[in-house]
Amino acid sequence: MNMRQCPYCGIKVAETRTECLHCHAVLPEIQVTQRRDVHAGGEIRKGLLYVLLAAVIKYFAGGYSAMQVPFPIQPIVTTYLSPVLFLGGLGLTLHGYFLQRKAWTHTVRYR
């Protein structure tokens, strides 16, 4: 059985107790949270930026724009590279989202 110390008299009390056995003081509820991952938001933003960059590359390199690009673009860019960049950005966004969600839901409470 886990024990904790009463903040008022210093006697060890079981974690499940809400009142100290010695001084009869009401024990406060303690919340222990893990430190939130500060890089999760940055990964989400980075992933969304990659998705936007892939869409812009596909738009201009695919010939959908009225503006002509002054240099020739190889078909491999529109066929393979922009979808890979899009999927990589989507994966990075989802990874950051799940890291952030994991940090929010991991809270332990003691009474």
N, C-alpha and C. Protein backbone atom coordinates (compact mmCIF):
# COMPACT_ATOMS: atom_id res chain seq x y z
N MET A 1 0.84 -1.16 0.00
CA MET A 1 0.00 0.00 0.00
C MET A 1 0.90 1.24 0.00
N ASN A 2 0.60 2.18 -0.87
CA ASN A 2 1.39 3.40 -0.97
C ASN A 2 1.00 4.38 0.12
N MET A 3 2.00 5.06 0.62
CA MET A 3 1.78 6.02 1.69
C MET A 3 2.23 7.40 1.22
N ARG A 4 1.63 8.43 1.80
CA ARG A 4 2.08 9.81 1.57
C ARG A 4 2.08 10.54 2.90
N GLN A 5 2.78 11.64 2.92
CA GLN A 5 2.97 12.38 4.16
C GLN A 5 1.92 13.47 4.29
N CYS A 6 1.35 13.61 5.48
CA CYS A 6 0.39 14.67 5.76
C CYS A 6 1.13 16.01 5.72
N PRO A 7 0.62 17.00 4.96
CA PRO A 7 1.32 18.28 4.88
C PRO A 7 1.23 19.11 6.16
N TYR A 8 0.35 18.72 7.08
CA TYR A 8 0.14 19.51 8.30
C TYR A 8 0.92 18.97 9.50
N CYS A 9 0.89 17.64 9.71
CA CYS A 9 1.60 17.10 10.88
C CYS A 9 2.78 16.21 10.53
N GLY A 10 2.88 15.75 9.29
CA GLY A 10 4.04 14.97 8.86
C GLY A 10 3.90 13.47 9.04
N ILE A 11 2.79 12.98 9.55
CA ILE A 11 2.59 11.56 9.75
C ILE A 11 2.27 10.90 8.40
N LYS A 12 2.75 9.65 8.21
CA LYS A 12 2.47 8.92 6.98
C LYS A 12 1.02 8.44 7.00
N VAL A 13 0.34 8.68 5.85
CA VAL A 13 -1.07 8.31 5.70
C VAL A 13 -1.22 7.56 4.38
N ALA A 14 -2.15 6.62 4.33
CA ALA A 14 -2.40 5.90 3.09
C ALA A 14 -2.89 6.86 2.01
N GLU A 15 -2.53 6.57 0.75
CA GLU A 15 -2.92 7.44 -0.36
C GLU A 15 -4.43 7.52 -0.53
N THR A 16 -5.13 6.48 -0.17
CA THR A 16 -6.58 6.45 -0.38
C THR A 16 -7.35 7.27 0.65
N ARG A 17 -6.71 7.65 1.73
CA ARG A 17 -7.39 8.41 2.78
C ARG A 17 -7.58 9.86 2.37
N THR A 18 -8.69 10.47 2.78
CA THR A 18 -8.94 11.88 2.51
C THR A 18 -8.75 12.72 3.77
N GLU A 19 -8.51 12.05 4.90
CA GLU A 19 -8.33 12.76 6.18
C GLU A 19 -7.17 12.12 6.94
N CYS A 20 -6.36 12.97 7.58
CA CYS A 20 -5.23 12.48 8.36
C CYS A 20 -5.73 11.80 9.64
N LEU A 21 -5.13 10.66 9.98
CA LEU A 21 -5.55 9.92 11.18
C LEU A 21 -5.10 10.61 12.46
N HIS A 22 -4.04 11.38 12.38
CA HIS A 22 -3.48 12.00 13.58
C HIS A 22 -4.09 13.36 13.87
N CYS A 23 -4.06 14.28 12.89
CA CYS A 23 -4.53 15.65 13.14
C CYS A 23 -5.93 15.91 12.57
N HIS A 24 -6.52 14.94 11.88
CA HIS A 24 -7.87 15.02 11.30
C HIS A 24 -8.03 16.17 10.30
N ALA A 25 -6.95 16.57 9.68
CA ALA A 25 -7.01 17.60 8.65
C ALA A 25 -7.39 16.94 7.32
N VAL A 26 -8.15 17.67 6.52
CA VAL A 26 -8.53 17.16 5.20
C VAL A 26 -7.32 17.27 4.28
N LEU A 27 -6.95 16.16 3.66
CA LEU A 27 -5.79 16.12 2.79
C LEU A 27 -6.17 16.63 1.40
N PRO A 28 -5.36 17.51 0.84
CA PRO A 28 -5.69 18.04 -0.49
C PRO A 28 -5.45 16.97 -1.56
N GLU A 29 -6.21 17.10 -2.66
CA GLU A 29 -6.03 16.20 -3.79
C GLU A 29 -4.78 16.62 -4.55
N ILE A 30 -3.98 15.64 -4.93
CA ILE A 30 -2.74 15.92 -5.64
C ILE A 30 -2.90 15.45 -7.08
N GLN A 31 -2.56 16.31 -8.01
CA GLN A 31 -2.56 15.94 -9.43
C GLN A 31 -1.12 15.92 -9.92
N VAL A 32 -0.75 14.81 -10.51
CA VAL A 32 0.59 14.67 -11.08
C VAL A 32 0.42 14.57 -12.59
N THR A 33 1.00 15.50 -13.30
CA THR A 33 0.92 15.46 -14.76
C THR A 33 2.32 15.38 -15.32
N GLN A 34 2.43 14.69 -16.44
CA GLN A 34 3.71 14.66 -17.10
C GLN A 34 3.90 15.96 -17.86
N ARG A 35 5.16 16.33 -18.03
CA ARG A 35 5.46 17.53 -18.77
C ARG A 35 5.00 17.37 -20.21
N ARG A 36 4.30 18.36 -20.71
CA ARG A 36 3.75 18.30 -22.05
C ARG A 36 4.87 18.40 -23.08
N ASP A 37 4.72 17.64 -24.15
CA ASP A 37 5.71 17.65 -25.21
C ASP A 37 5.62 18.97 -25.97
N VAL A 38 6.65 19.79 -25.87
CA VAL A 38 6.62 21.11 -26.49
C VAL A 38 6.89 21.04 -27.98
N HIS A 39 7.38 19.91 -28.48
CA HIS A 39 7.70 19.80 -29.90
C HIS A 39 6.50 19.36 -30.73
N ALA A 40 5.41 18.93 -30.08
CA ALA A 40 4.26 18.42 -30.83
C ALA A 40 3.63 19.51 -31.69
N GLY A 41 3.47 20.71 -31.15
CA GLY A 41 2.89 21.80 -31.93
C GLY A 41 3.77 22.20 -33.09
N GLY A 42 5.07 22.16 -32.91
CA GLY A 42 6.00 22.47 -33.99
C GLY A 42 5.94 21.44 -35.10
N GLU A 43 5.76 20.17 -34.74
CA GLU A 43 5.66 19.14 -35.76
C GLU A 43 4.36 19.27 -36.55
N ILE A 44 3.29 19.67 -35.89
CA ILE A 44 2.03 19.88 -36.60
C ILE A 44 2.18 21.01 -37.61
N ARG A 45 2.75 22.12 -37.18
CA ARG A 45 2.94 23.25 -38.09
C ARG A 45 3.87 22.91 -39.25
N LYS A 46 4.94 22.18 -38.94
CA LYS A 46 5.88 21.79 -39.99
C LYS A 46 5.21 20.86 -41.01
N GLY A 47 4.42 19.92 -40.52
CA GLY A 47 3.72 19.00 -41.41
C GLY A 47 2.72 19.72 -42.29
N LEU A 48 1.98 20.67 -41.73
CA LEU A 48 1.02 21.44 -42.53
C LEU A 48 1.73 22.30 -43.57
N LEU A 49 2.91 22.81 -43.23
CA LEU A 49 3.69 23.58 -44.19
C LEU A 49 4.16 22.70 -45.35
N TYR A 50 4.57 21.46 -45.06
CA TYR A 50 4.97 20.53 -46.11
C TYR A 50 3.79 20.19 -47.02
N VAL A 51 2.62 20.01 -46.44
CA VAL A 51 1.43 19.72 -47.24
C VAL A 51 1.12 20.90 -48.17
N LEU A 52 1.20 22.11 -47.64
CA LEU A 52 0.95 23.30 -48.47
C LEU A 52 2.00 23.43 -49.57
N LEU A 53 3.26 23.17 -49.24
CA LEU A 53 4.33 23.25 -50.24
C LEU A 53 4.12 22.22 -51.35
N ALA A 54 3.69 21.02 -50.99
CA ALA A 54 3.43 19.99 -52.00
C ALA A 54 2.27 20.41 -52.91
N ALA A 55 1.24 21.04 -52.35
CA ALA A 55 0.12 21.49 -53.17
C ALA A 55 0.54 22.60 -54.12
N VAL A 56 1.37 23.52 -53.67
CA VAL A 56 1.85 24.60 -54.53
C VAL A 56 2.73 24.06 -55.64
N ILE A 57 3.61 23.12 -55.33
CA ILE A 57 4.47 22.52 -56.34
C ILE A 57 3.62 21.78 -57.38
N LYS A 58 2.65 21.03 -56.91
CA LYS A 58 1.78 20.28 -57.84
C LYS A 58 0.99 21.24 -58.73
N TYR A 59 0.54 22.36 -58.17
CA TYR A 59 -0.25 23.34 -58.92
C TYR A 59 0.57 23.98 -60.04
N PHE A 60 1.75 24.46 -59.71
CA PHE A 60 2.57 25.15 -60.71
C PHE A 60 3.28 24.19 -61.66
N ALA A 61 3.79 23.07 -61.14
CA ALA A 61 4.52 22.14 -61.99
C ALA A 61 3.59 21.31 -62.87
N GLY A 62 2.35 21.15 -62.43
CA GLY A 62 1.39 20.37 -63.20
C GLY A 62 0.76 21.13 -64.35
N GLY A 63 0.99 22.43 -64.43
CA GLY A 63 0.46 23.22 -65.53
C GLY A 63 -0.94 23.74 -65.29
N TYR A 64 -1.40 23.75 -64.05
CA TYR A 64 -2.75 24.24 -63.74
C TYR A 64 -2.80 25.76 -63.66
N SER A 65 -1.68 26.40 -63.55
CA SER A 65 -1.61 27.84 -63.43
C SER A 65 -1.56 28.48 -64.81
N ALA A 66 -2.10 29.71 -64.92
CA ALA A 66 -2.02 30.45 -66.17
C ALA A 66 -0.61 31.00 -66.39
N MET A 67 0.15 31.12 -65.31
CA MET A 67 1.52 31.60 -65.38
C MET A 67 2.45 30.46 -65.81
N GLN A 68 3.31 30.73 -66.73
CA GLN A 68 4.24 29.72 -67.19
C GLN A 68 5.53 29.78 -66.37
N VAL A 69 6.03 28.63 -66.01
CA VAL A 69 7.29 28.53 -65.27
C VAL A 69 8.41 28.71 -66.28
N PRO A 70 9.42 29.57 -65.97
CA PRO A 70 10.45 29.88 -66.97
C PRO A 70 11.44 28.75 -67.26
N PHE A 71 11.42 27.67 -66.52
CA PHE A 71 12.35 26.57 -66.76
C PHE A 71 11.56 25.26 -66.83
N PRO A 72 12.08 24.28 -67.55
CA PRO A 72 11.34 23.02 -67.68
C PRO A 72 11.36 22.22 -66.38
N ILE A 73 10.23 21.59 -66.06
CA ILE A 73 10.12 20.77 -64.86
C ILE A 73 9.92 19.32 -65.29
N GLN A 74 10.72 18.45 -64.74
CA GLN A 74 10.65 17.04 -65.09
C GLN A 74 9.33 16.43 -64.59
N PRO A 75 8.77 15.49 -65.32
CA PRO A 75 7.51 14.87 -64.89
C PRO A 75 7.62 14.08 -63.59
N ILE A 76 8.84 13.70 -63.22
CA ILE A 76 9.03 12.95 -61.96
C ILE A 76 8.62 13.81 -60.75
N VAL A 77 8.73 15.12 -60.89
CA VAL A 77 8.37 16.02 -59.79
C VAL A 77 6.89 15.92 -59.49
N THR A 78 6.06 16.00 -60.54
CA THR A 78 4.61 15.95 -60.32
C THR A 78 4.11 14.54 -60.09
N THR A 79 4.81 13.56 -60.62
CA THR A 79 4.35 12.18 -60.50
C THR A 79 4.71 11.57 -59.15
N TYR A 80 5.95 11.77 -58.70
CA TYR A 80 6.41 11.09 -57.50
C TYR A 80 6.77 12.01 -56.34
N LEU A 81 7.49 13.08 -56.60
CA LEU A 81 8.06 13.87 -55.51
C LEU A 81 7.02 14.70 -54.75
N SER A 82 6.09 15.33 -55.45
CA SER A 82 5.10 16.12 -54.72
C SER A 82 4.14 15.25 -53.92
N PRO A 83 3.69 14.07 -54.41
CA PRO A 83 2.88 13.21 -53.53
C PRO A 83 3.64 12.68 -52.33
N VAL A 84 4.93 12.40 -52.50
CA VAL A 84 5.74 11.94 -51.36
C VAL A 84 5.86 13.05 -50.32
N LEU A 85 6.08 14.28 -50.78
CA LEU A 85 6.14 15.41 -49.86
C LEU A 85 4.80 15.62 -49.16
N PHE A 86 3.70 15.47 -49.89
CA PHE A 86 2.37 15.61 -49.31
C PHE A 86 2.13 14.55 -48.23
N LEU A 87 2.43 13.29 -48.54
CA LEU A 87 2.19 12.21 -47.58
C LEU A 87 3.13 12.32 -46.37
N GLY A 88 4.36 12.76 -46.60
CA GLY A 88 5.28 12.98 -45.48
C GLY A 88 4.79 14.08 -44.56
N GLY A 89 4.29 15.16 -45.14
CA GLY A 89 3.74 16.24 -44.32
C GLY A 89 2.50 15.80 -43.56
N LEU A 90 1.66 15.00 -44.21
CA LEU A 90 0.46 14.48 -43.54
C LEU A 90 0.84 13.57 -42.38
N GLY A 91 1.85 12.73 -42.60
CA GLY A 91 2.33 11.85 -41.52
C GLY A 91 2.93 12.63 -40.36
N LEU A 92 3.68 13.66 -40.67
CA LEU A 92 4.27 14.49 -39.61
C LEU A 92 3.19 15.23 -38.82
N THR A 93 2.17 15.69 -39.52
CA THR A 93 1.05 16.36 -38.84
C THR A 93 0.33 15.40 -37.91
N LEU A 94 0.04 14.21 -38.38
CA LEU A 94 -0.65 13.22 -37.54
C LEU A 94 0.22 12.79 -36.36
N HIS A 95 1.52 12.65 -36.58
CA HIS A 95 2.42 12.29 -35.48
C HIS A 95 2.42 13.37 -34.38
N GLY A 96 2.50 14.63 -34.80
CA GLY A 96 2.44 15.72 -33.83
C GLY A 96 1.12 15.77 -33.11
N TYR A 97 0.02 15.51 -33.82
CA TYR A 97 -1.31 15.51 -33.20
C TYR A 97 -1.41 14.43 -32.13
N PHE A 98 -0.93 13.22 -32.44
CA PHE A 98 -1.02 12.14 -31.47
C PHE A 98 -0.08 12.36 -30.29
N LEU A 99 1.07 12.99 -30.52
CA LEU A 99 1.95 13.33 -29.39
C LEU A 99 1.28 14.33 -28.47
N GLN A 100 0.62 15.31 -29.05
CA GLN A 100 -0.05 16.33 -28.25
C GLN A 100 -1.24 15.73 -27.50
N ARG A 101 -1.98 14.86 -28.15
CA ARG A 101 -3.13 14.23 -27.51
C ARG A 101 -2.69 13.31 -26.38
N LYS A 102 -1.59 12.61 -26.57
CA LYS A 102 -1.06 11.73 -25.54
C LYS A 102 -0.65 12.53 -24.30
N ALA A 103 -0.06 13.69 -24.52
CA ALA A 103 0.37 14.53 -23.40
C ALA A 103 -0.83 15.10 -22.65
N TRP A 104 -1.93 15.36 -23.35
CA TRP A 104 -3.12 15.91 -22.69
C TRP A 104 -3.85 14.87 -21.86
N THR A 105 -3.89 13.63 -22.32
CA THR A 105 -4.72 12.62 -21.65
C THR A 105 -3.99 11.91 -20.51
N HIS A 106 -2.70 12.09 -20.39
CA HIS A 106 -1.97 11.36 -19.36
C HIS A 106 -1.90 12.20 -18.08
N THR A 107 -2.92 12.04 -17.24
CA THR A 107 -2.98 12.72 -15.95
C THR A 107 -3.30 11.70 -14.87
N VAL A 108 -2.56 11.73 -13.78
CA VAL A 108 -2.77 10.81 -12.68
C VAL A 108 -3.26 11.64 -11.50
N ARG A 109 -4.32 11.16 -10.84
CA ARG A 109 -4.86 11.88 -9.68
C ARG A 109 -4.77 11.01 -8.45
N TYR A 110 -4.39 11.62 -7.34
CA TYR A 110 -4.34 10.93 -6.04
C TYR A 110 -5.32 11.62 -5.12
N ARG A 111 -6.03 10.84 -4.35
CA ARG A 111 -6.95 11.41 -3.36
C ARG A 111 -6.47 11.09 -1.99
